[in-house]
Amino acid sequence: MNLFGSANFGLPRLKPLSSKRSHVVSVLDIGSTKVVCMIGRLTPRAESQILPGRTHNIEVIGIGHQKSRGVKNGVIADLDAVESVVRLAVDAAERMAGLTIDSLIVNVSAGRLQSDVYTATIDLGGQEVEANDLKKVLAAAGHQSLRTDRAILHSLPTGFSLDGERGIRDPLAMFGDVLGVDMHVLTAERPALKNLELCVNRAHLSVEGMVATPYASGLAALVDDEVELGCAAIDMGGGTTTISVFAEGRLVHADAVGLGGHHVTTDLARGLSTRIEDAERLKVVHGSALPNSADERDIISVPPIGEDDRDQPTHVPRALVSRIVRARIEETLELIRDRIQRSGFSPIVGKRIVLTGGASQLTGLPEAARRILARNVRIGRPLGVSGLPAAAKGPAFSTAVGLMIYPQVADLETHAAGSGMLSTLGGNSRFARMGQWLKENF
């Protein structure tokens, strides 16, 4: 039985990292604004109070980033353009690291990400829970989530229940009649993933694993207390804004909306009748998500759109720029607020929101987000990674750093039953994909 339909598009799954040895990990963040390739050396680390979930120290030994071309709102619109940018970014990272790479972990923003929770129960008959029971109940939940039109990016058990008692983290060796599991499954449309893989393959590289952008940026920008207590990470990129909700150390919900910083820029270009690159500069220098009384008095000059030297720049009050910026930012934040509300995870998020991604650097954005989302907001930068150049330490690089962190948590997922909850499955099946389980169990 082939899990991913007749097209034989089995998603590549990462093998869990060995906690005993060093690894070189290479990642590729394909965004609407920029494409980043990072090569990192992961060395085993002792357990510590700081970022206790991490098993390895990450040192970035190579980085290359290029202005993105051919990607619109997170979707690949021009294969050739993306391929050439990917080659340039990878080439720069390889030169800096002094090694060549052949496979990468890639992020996914497109494909209409969808989060669902599947619940399954099995009868124990009053016996203790064995590894095989865990395997069965996870397979039963996984079986419900299989669909021909969508591929599973992540499937994480968010909690077990015994005889209706919920919130059990590890039921192994406990006694009960009925064992249940809640499984959070994040899926994306297959064609979007195929196109993504095609782009990477055309640059003569293979895809080692695919990670949803919201998961990656949350891994990089959130601290452990936030991940435990419940928190939402909002990654504001150029073409898409993604949301991830974490609780009890797991990703419990993810979503994406097709609005980002680039929409603000195009609004400005239209509203002020200027070129895109001039609009981008005006946004960065003068744009603000907060109203300011001085804005009416400050006059800024807007370069004309034409090539004619006789065209004079127009002069507009800065308040006009801010009004255009604010309208789009408020729309985006209101959309996010409604999405969080609709997801049913609003109580879990509580009062904690972390903003990250390049567009989160806009002046006044945290204040606007506090007002609209009615929560505490901080700007999240990638945490716990050494060797990043100063230019790459900001929130714009959270996704790329998160992809670097991801191999350390890949074994939480059930289709790569690594260590953690299922390490007792023994032998060869430790890395067995859900496909093999389904073969055995159905």
Protein backbone atom coordinates (compact mmCIF):
# COMPACT_ATOMS: atom_id res chain seq x y z
CA MET A 1 0.00 0.00 0.00
CA ASN A 2 1.49 3.31 -1.00
CA LEU A 3 0.71 6.06 1.46
CA PHE A 4 0.91 8.88 -1.04
CA GLY A 5 -1.17 7.66 -3.95
CA SER A 6 -0.13 6.36 -7.29
CA ALA A 7 2.19 9.28 -8.00
CA ASN A 8 4.61 7.66 -5.56
CA PHE A 9 5.07 10.93 -3.76
CA GLY A 10 6.04 9.64 -0.36
CA LEU A 11 7.15 12.66 1.64
CA PRO A 12 10.77 12.33 2.62
CA ARG A 13 11.01 11.75 6.36
CA LEU A 14 13.99 12.73 8.46
CA LYS A 15 15.83 10.09 10.38
CA PRO A 16 16.10 11.04 14.05
CA LEU A 17 19.45 12.51 15.06
CA SER A 18 21.87 10.44 17.04
CA SER A 19 22.43 12.13 20.39
CA LYS A 20 25.97 10.75 20.48
CA ARG A 21 27.48 12.25 17.35
CA SER A 22 27.75 15.43 15.33
CA HIS A 23 25.74 16.03 12.18
CA VAL A 24 25.90 18.53 9.35
CA VAL A 25 22.42 19.79 8.51
CA SER A 26 21.56 21.95 5.53
CA VAL A 27 18.28 23.81 5.15
CA LEU A 28 16.53 25.93 2.56
CA ASP A 29 13.95 28.60 3.35
CA ILE A 30 12.12 29.49 0.14
CA GLY A 31 10.16 32.65 0.84
CA SER A 32 8.37 35.31 -1.15
CA THR A 33 11.00 37.93 -0.20
CA LYS A 34 14.21 35.95 0.08
CA VAL A 35 15.65 32.48 -0.30
CA VAL A 36 18.04 31.41 2.46
CA CYS A 37 20.33 28.41 2.54
CA MET A 38 22.00 27.57 5.86
CA ILE A 39 24.51 24.85 6.63
CA GLY A 40 24.99 24.05 10.30
CA ARG A 41 27.05 21.75 12.44
CA LEU A 42 25.02 20.10 15.18
CA THR A 43 27.09 18.80 18.08
CA PRO A 44 25.61 16.84 21.01
CA ARG A 45 25.13 18.94 24.13
CA ALA A 46 24.65 18.16 27.77
CA GLU A 47 21.21 18.77 29.24
CA SER A 48 20.88 22.33 30.46
CA GLN A 49 18.31 24.71 31.86
CA ILE A 50 18.57 26.93 28.79
CA LEU A 51 16.42 25.59 25.93
CA PRO A 52 16.19 22.15 27.62
CA GLY A 53 14.43 20.58 24.65
CA ARG A 54 17.51 20.85 22.47
CA THR A 55 19.77 17.84 22.18
CA HIS A 56 22.44 19.52 20.04
CA ASN A 57 24.26 22.83 19.84
CA ILE A 58 23.86 24.48 16.45
CA GLU A 59 26.68 26.38 14.83
CA VAL A 60 25.98 27.92 11.44
CA ILE A 61 29.02 27.34 9.23
CA GLY A 62 27.59 28.55 5.94
CA ILE A 63 24.81 30.90 4.90
CA GLY A 64 23.67 32.28 1.56
CA HIS A 65 20.65 34.44 0.92
CA GLN A 66 19.21 35.90 -2.26
CA LYS A 67 16.32 38.14 -3.14
CA SER A 68 13.49 35.80 -4.04
CA ARG A 69 12.16 35.57 -7.58
CA GLY A 70 9.32 33.46 -8.91
CA VAL A 71 7.54 33.03 -5.56
CA LYS A 72 4.23 34.79 -5.00
CA ASN A 73 2.41 34.63 -1.65
CA GLY A 74 4.48 31.58 -0.74
CA VAL A 75 3.46 29.78 -3.95
CA ILE A 76 5.93 28.90 -6.70
CA ALA A 77 4.92 30.87 -9.77
CA ASP A 78 8.02 30.46 -11.95
CA LEU A 79 10.10 27.27 -11.69
CA ASP A 80 13.11 28.60 -13.62
CA ALA A 81 13.37 31.77 -11.55
CA VAL A 82 13.15 29.88 -8.25
CA GLU A 83 15.64 27.28 -9.41
CA SER A 84 18.27 29.91 -10.27
CA VAL A 85 17.83 31.72 -6.94
CA VAL A 86 18.07 28.42 -5.04
CA ARG A 87 21.32 27.60 -6.88
CA LEU A 88 22.82 30.99 -5.98
CA ALA A 89 21.85 30.76 -2.31
CA VAL A 90 23.11 27.17 -1.97
CA ASP A 91 26.32 28.01 -3.81
CA ALA A 92 27.07 30.92 -1.44
CA ALA A 93 26.41 28.78 1.64
CA GLU A 94 28.58 25.94 0.30
CA ARG A 95 31.46 28.31 -0.42
CA MET A 96 31.30 29.77 3.08
CA ALA A 97 31.10 26.33 4.72
CA GLY A 98 33.78 24.86 2.45
CA LEU A 99 31.71 21.77 1.64
CA THR A 100 29.13 20.66 -0.88
CA ILE A 101 25.67 19.45 0.07
CA ASP A 102 23.34 17.12 -1.76
CA SER A 103 20.13 17.25 0.27
CA LEU A 104 18.21 19.86 2.21
CA ILE A 105 15.37 20.33 4.67
CA VAL A 106 12.86 22.67 3.00
CA ASN A 107 10.03 24.79 4.39
CA VAL A 108 6.43 24.75 3.16
CA SER A 109 4.16 27.81 3.27
CA ALA A 110 1.98 27.02 0.27
CA GLY A 111 -0.52 24.24 -0.28
CA ARG A 112 -3.24 25.64 1.99
CA LEU A 113 -1.91 24.24 5.23
CA GLN A 114 -4.61 22.57 7.27
CA SER A 115 -4.57 21.43 10.88
CA ASP A 116 -6.88 18.66 12.05
CA VAL A 117 -7.10 16.67 15.25
CA TYR A 118 -7.97 12.98 14.94
CA THR A 119 -8.96 10.92 17.93
CA ALA A 120 -8.74 7.14 18.11
CA THR A 121 -9.33 4.64 20.89
CA ILE A 122 -8.54 0.95 21.32
CA ASP A 123 -9.76 -1.57 23.85
CA LEU A 124 -7.17 -2.74 26.41
CA GLY A 125 -9.42 -5.06 28.41
CA GLY A 126 -7.97 -3.96 31.75
CA GLN A 127 -4.42 -4.84 30.77
CA GLU A 128 -1.36 -2.62 31.02
CA VAL A 129 -0.46 -0.45 28.05
CA GLU A 130 2.30 -2.02 25.95
CA ALA A 131 4.35 -0.56 23.12
CA ASN A 132 2.20 -2.47 20.67
CA ASP A 133 -0.96 -0.81 22.02
CA LEU A 134 0.60 2.62 21.51
CA LYS A 135 1.53 1.59 18.02
CA LYS A 136 -2.03 0.43 17.30
CA VAL A 137 -3.78 3.51 18.61
CA LEU A 138 -1.41 5.85 16.76
CA ALA A 139 -1.87 3.89 13.57
CA ALA A 140 -5.65 4.05 14.01
CA ALA A 141 -5.51 7.84 14.36
CA GLY A 142 -3.09 8.10 11.44
CA HIS A 143 -5.33 5.95 9.29
CA GLN A 144 -8.20 8.43 9.67
CA SER A 145 -6.03 11.27 8.42
CA LEU A 146 -4.98 9.72 5.10
CA ARG A 147 -6.35 11.57 2.10
CA THR A 148 -5.58 11.25 -1.56
CA ASP A 149 -5.49 14.97 -2.32
CA ARG A 150 -3.35 16.04 0.65
CA ALA A 151 -0.03 14.88 2.03
CA ILE A 152 0.81 14.73 5.73
CA LEU A 153 3.59 17.13 6.73
CA HIS A 154 3.48 16.54 10.47
CA SER A 155 1.56 14.24 12.76
CA LEU A 156 2.09 14.72 16.46
CA PRO A 157 0.31 12.92 19.28
CA THR A 158 -0.77 15.82 21.53
CA GLY A 159 -2.00 13.68 24.41
CA PHE A 160 -3.24 10.26 25.44
CA SER A 161 -6.25 9.31 27.52
CA LEU A 162 -6.97 6.27 29.67
CA ASP A 163 -10.60 5.41 30.42
CA GLY A 164 -11.61 8.94 29.53
CA GLU A 165 -8.97 10.61 31.72
CA ARG A 166 -7.22 13.03 29.38
CA GLY A 167 -3.86 14.76 29.45
CA ILE A 168 -1.70 11.68 29.95
CA ARG A 169 1.72 12.23 28.43
CA ASP A 170 3.10 8.71 28.43
CA PRO A 171 0.64 5.89 29.19
CA LEU A 172 3.19 3.09 28.79
CA ALA A 173 2.85 0.43 31.56
CA MET A 174 -0.32 2.02 32.99
CA PHE A 175 -3.48 -0.06 33.41
CA GLY A 176 -6.88 0.67 31.88
CA ASP A 177 -9.75 -0.50 29.69
CA VAL A 178 -9.67 2.06 26.87
CA LEU A 179 -6.58 3.84 25.51
CA GLY A 180 -7.17 6.95 23.41
CA VAL A 181 -4.95 9.40 21.57
CA ASP A 182 -5.44 12.87 20.12
CA MET A 183 -3.30 13.29 17.02
CA HIS A 184 -2.60 16.68 15.50
CA VAL A 185 -2.11 16.22 11.76
CA LEU A 186 -0.88 19.05 9.54
CA THR A 187 -1.45 18.50 5.83
CA ALA A 188 -0.80 20.38 2.60
CA GLU A 189 -2.02 19.98 -0.95
CA ARG A 190 0.11 17.57 -2.89
CA PRO A 191 0.75 19.61 -6.06
CA ALA A 192 2.29 22.49 -4.07
CA LEU A 193 4.70 20.07 -2.41
CA LYS A 194 5.53 18.43 -5.72
CA ASN A 195 6.41 21.78 -7.26
CA LEU A 196 8.56 22.63 -4.28
CA GLU A 197 10.44 19.35 -4.60
CA LEU A 198 10.76 19.84 -8.35
CA CYS A 199 12.46 23.22 -7.83
CA VAL A 200 15.02 21.71 -5.49
CA ASN A 201 15.58 18.68 -7.75
CA ARG A 202 16.18 20.93 -10.74
CA ALA A 203 19.02 22.54 -8.82
CA HIS A 204 20.48 18.97 -8.54
CA LEU A 205 19.63 18.64 -4.87
CA SER A 206 17.26 16.32 -3.05
CA VAL A 207 14.74 17.10 -0.35
CA GLU A 208 15.59 15.46 2.94
CA GLY A 209 12.47 16.59 4.76
CA MET A 210 9.67 19.13 4.51
CA VAL A 211 8.66 21.29 7.45
CA ALA A 212 5.68 23.63 7.64
CA THR A 213 6.89 27.24 7.93
CA PRO A 214 4.80 28.01 11.04
CA TYR A 215 6.29 24.99 12.86
CA ALA A 216 9.84 26.01 11.96
CA SER A 217 9.50 29.66 12.96
CA GLY A 218 7.83 28.70 16.23
CA LEU A 219 10.69 26.31 17.06
CA ALA A 220 13.20 29.11 16.54
CA ALA A 221 11.42 32.03 18.20
CA LEU A 222 9.65 30.58 21.26
CA VAL A 223 11.24 29.89 24.62
CA ASP A 224 10.43 26.71 26.52
CA ASP A 225 7.98 28.26 28.98
CA GLU A 226 5.94 29.58 26.08
CA VAL A 227 5.94 26.19 24.35
CA GLU A 228 4.86 24.49 27.61
CA LEU A 229 2.22 26.96 28.84
CA GLY A 230 0.67 27.69 25.44
CA CYS A 231 1.61 30.42 23.00
CA ALA A 232 1.08 31.45 19.39
CA ALA A 233 3.93 32.36 17.08
CA ILE A 234 2.94 34.61 14.20
CA ASP A 235 5.47 34.66 11.37
CA MET A 236 4.91 37.70 9.19
CA GLY A 237 6.72 37.08 5.95
CA GLY A 238 6.70 38.91 2.64
CA GLY A 239 3.91 36.98 0.96
CA THR A 240 2.29 34.94 3.75
CA THR A 241 1.65 35.24 7.46
CA THR A 242 1.62 31.93 9.30
CA ILE A 243 0.34 31.07 12.76
CA SER A 244 1.47 28.22 14.98
CA VAL A 245 0.08 27.35 18.39
CA PHE A 246 2.20 25.37 20.83
CA ALA A 247 1.15 23.82 24.14
CA GLU A 248 2.69 21.23 26.47
CA GLY A 249 5.80 21.18 24.33
CA ARG A 250 3.98 20.26 21.09
CA LEU A 251 2.70 22.00 18.00
CA VAL A 252 -1.09 21.76 18.38
CA HIS A 253 -2.34 23.98 15.55
CA ALA A 254 -1.04 25.77 12.45
CA ASP A 255 -2.54 28.05 9.83
CA ALA A 256 -1.47 30.45 7.07
CA VAL A 257 -3.01 33.52 5.46
CA GLY A 258 -1.91 34.90 2.10
CA LEU A 259 -1.06 38.40 3.32
CA GLY A 260 2.36 39.74 4.23
CA GLY A 261 4.78 42.65 4.14
CA HIS A 262 4.86 42.70 0.37
CA HIS A 263 1.16 43.58 0.27
CA VAL A 264 1.94 46.72 2.30
CA THR A 265 4.63 47.61 -0.25
CA THR A 266 2.33 47.18 -3.25
CA ASP A 267 -0.40 49.22 -1.50
CA LEU A 268 2.14 52.03 -1.09
CA ALA A 269 3.33 51.72 -4.69
CA ARG A 270 -0.26 52.03 -5.91
CA GLY A 271 -1.36 54.68 -3.45
CA LEU A 272 1.66 56.93 -3.97
CA SER A 273 2.20 56.04 -7.65
CA THR A 274 5.81 55.03 -7.23
CA ARG A 275 8.01 52.03 -8.07
CA ILE A 276 7.93 48.90 -5.91
CA GLU A 277 11.53 49.34 -4.70
CA ASP A 278 10.90 52.98 -3.78
CA ALA A 279 7.71 51.95 -1.98
CA GLU A 280 9.68 49.33 -0.02
CA ARG A 281 12.21 51.99 1.07
CA LEU A 282 9.43 54.40 2.08
CA LYS A 283 7.79 51.62 4.11
CA VAL A 284 10.99 50.76 5.97
CA VAL A 285 12.09 54.36 6.60
CA HIS A 286 8.80 56.18 7.12
CA GLY A 287 6.07 53.55 7.51
CA SER A 288 4.53 53.00 10.91
CA ALA A 289 1.66 50.91 12.21
CA LEU A 290 0.94 53.60 14.83
CA PRO A 291 -0.73 56.98 14.33
CA ASN A 292 1.52 59.88 15.29
CA SER A 293 0.51 63.54 15.56
CA ALA A 294 3.78 64.72 13.99
CA ASP A 295 3.03 62.72 10.83
CA GLU A 296 0.72 65.41 9.45
CA ARG A 297 3.50 68.02 9.61
CA ASP A 298 6.33 65.87 8.21
CA ILE A 299 6.49 66.01 4.44
CA ILE A 300 8.34 63.28 2.52
CA SER A 301 9.23 63.15 -1.14
CA VAL A 302 8.06 60.26 -3.30
CA PRO A 303 10.17 59.40 -6.38
CA PRO A 304 8.14 59.38 -9.62
CA ILE A 305 7.36 56.16 -11.45
CA GLY A 306 8.55 57.22 -14.92
CA GLU A 307 12.06 57.23 -16.38
CA ASP A 308 11.77 60.84 -17.56
CA ASP A 309 14.27 63.15 -15.83
CA ARG A 310 11.79 66.02 -15.99
CA ASP A 311 9.39 64.14 -13.68
CA GLN A 312 9.54 65.81 -10.30
CA PRO A 313 9.11 63.83 -7.07
CA THR A 314 5.76 64.42 -5.37
CA HIS A 315 5.57 65.59 -1.78
CA VAL A 316 3.11 63.99 0.61
CA PRO A 317 2.61 64.15 4.38
CA ARG A 318 4.12 61.18 6.19
CA ALA A 319 0.66 60.58 7.65
CA LEU A 320 -0.48 59.36 4.22
CA VAL A 321 2.23 56.68 4.16
CA SER A 322 1.31 55.58 7.68
CA ARG A 323 -2.40 55.47 6.85
CA ILE A 324 -1.79 53.16 3.87
CA VAL A 325 0.54 50.96 5.94
CA ARG A 326 -1.83 50.87 8.90
CA ALA A 327 -4.86 49.86 6.86
CA ARG A 328 -3.14 46.71 5.52
CA ILE A 329 -1.45 45.82 8.82
CA GLU A 330 -4.73 46.10 10.70
CA GLU A 331 -6.48 43.95 8.11
CA THR A 332 -3.78 41.27 8.47
CA LEU A 333 -3.86 41.33 12.27
CA GLU A 334 -7.66 41.20 12.37
CA LEU A 335 -7.60 38.21 10.04
CA ILE A 336 -5.10 36.47 12.34
CA ARG A 337 -7.19 37.30 15.41
CA ASP A 338 -10.27 35.77 13.75
CA ARG A 339 -8.33 32.68 12.65
CA ILE A 340 -7.06 32.09 16.21
CA GLN A 341 -10.59 32.61 17.52
CA ARG A 342 -12.10 30.21 14.98
CA SER A 343 -9.48 27.54 15.57
CA GLY A 344 -10.76 26.95 19.10
CA PHE A 345 -7.20 27.31 20.46
CA SER A 346 -7.73 30.85 21.74
CA PRO A 347 -7.82 29.75 25.42
CA ILE A 348 -4.59 27.77 24.98
CA VAL A 349 -2.81 30.75 23.42
CA GLY A 350 -3.86 32.74 26.49
CA LYS A 351 -2.16 36.11 26.60
CA ARG A 352 1.05 35.12 24.83
CA ILE A 353 1.87 36.00 21.24
CA VAL A 354 5.32 36.10 19.64
CA LEU A 355 5.71 37.99 16.37
CA THR A 356 8.52 36.97 14.08
CA GLY A 357 9.41 37.08 10.37
CA GLY A 358 10.76 39.97 8.33
CA ALA A 359 7.55 42.02 8.26
CA SER A 360 7.39 42.01 12.07
CA GLN A 361 10.15 44.64 12.10
CA LEU A 362 7.82 47.42 10.94
CA THR A 363 7.78 50.39 13.32
CA GLY A 364 4.91 50.25 15.78
CA LEU A 365 3.85 46.72 14.85
CA PRO A 366 4.05 45.19 18.36
CA GLU A 367 1.83 48.01 19.70
CA ALA A 368 -0.71 47.57 16.89
CA ALA A 369 -0.71 43.80 17.49
CA ARG A 370 -1.22 44.30 21.24
CA ARG A 371 -4.24 46.48 20.55
CA ILE A 372 -5.89 44.28 17.89
CA LEU A 373 -5.04 40.85 19.32
CA ALA A 374 -5.60 42.06 22.92
CA ARG A 375 -2.63 40.03 24.15
CA ASN A 376 0.96 40.47 25.28
CA VAL A 377 3.21 40.63 22.23
CA ARG A 378 6.95 40.36 21.89
CA ILE A 379 9.19 40.23 18.83
CA GLY A 380 10.88 36.82 18.57
CA ARG A 381 14.36 36.39 17.15
CA PRO A 382 15.98 33.01 16.44
CA LEU A 383 17.28 31.57 19.72
CA GLY A 384 20.18 29.37 20.66
CA VAL A 385 22.21 29.32 17.44
CA SER A 386 25.82 30.39 17.14
CA GLY A 387 27.75 31.56 14.10
CA LEU A 388 24.95 33.67 12.58
CA PRO A 389 26.23 36.84 10.94
CA ALA A 390 24.77 40.04 12.45
CA ALA A 391 22.53 40.52 9.40
CA ALA A 392 20.89 37.12 9.98
CA LYS A 393 20.15 37.47 13.70
CA GLY A 394 16.83 39.22 13.19
CA PRO A 395 13.29 37.83 13.05
CA ALA A 396 13.52 37.53 9.24
CA PHE A 397 15.71 34.43 9.70
CA SER A 398 13.51 32.57 12.21
CA THR A 399 12.19 30.07 9.65
CA ALA A 400 15.66 29.13 8.40
CA VAL A 401 16.96 28.66 11.95
CA GLY A 402 13.82 26.68 12.86
CA LEU A 403 14.50 24.28 9.99
CA MET A 404 17.94 23.78 11.55
CA ILE A 405 16.37 22.99 14.94
CA TYR A 406 13.70 20.69 13.51
CA PRO A 407 15.78 17.45 13.26
CA GLN A 408 16.01 17.51 17.08
CA VAL A 409 12.22 17.28 17.40
CA ALA A 410 11.49 15.16 14.32
CA ASP A 411 11.23 12.07 16.52
CA LEU A 412 8.17 13.46 18.33
CA GLU A 413 6.24 12.63 15.19
CA THR A 414 4.60 9.30 14.74
CA HIS A 415 5.38 8.64 11.11
CA ALA A 416 9.04 8.68 12.08
CA ALA A 417 8.68 6.73 15.26
CA GLY A 418 12.07 7.53 16.66
CA SER A 419 13.02 7.77 20.27
CA GLY A 420 10.74 9.44 22.77
CA MET A 421 7.37 7.89 23.29
CA LEU A 422 7.90 5.02 20.89
CA SER A 423 11.54 4.11 21.36
CA THR A 424 10.44 0.76 22.71
CA LEU A 425 9.24 -0.37 19.30
CA GLY A 426 12.66 -1.90 18.87
CA GLY A 427 14.66 -3.05 15.91
CA ASN A 428 14.06 -1.92 12.43
CA SER A 429 10.62 -0.47 13.02
CA ARG A 430 12.01 2.48 14.96
CA PHE A 431 12.22 4.48 11.79
CA ALA A 432 9.26 2.77 10.19
CA ARG A 433 6.86 5.12 8.52
CA MET A 434 3.22 4.94 9.24
CA GLY A 435 2.86 3.11 5.94
CA GLN A 436 4.58 0.05 7.36
CA TRP A 437 2.45 0.19 10.46
CA LEU A 438 -0.70 0.30 8.43
CA LYS A 439 0.49 -2.72 6.48
CA GLU A 440 1.00 -4.62 9.73
CA ASN A 441 -2.18 -3.51 11.42
CA PHE A 442 -4.81 -3.37 8.71
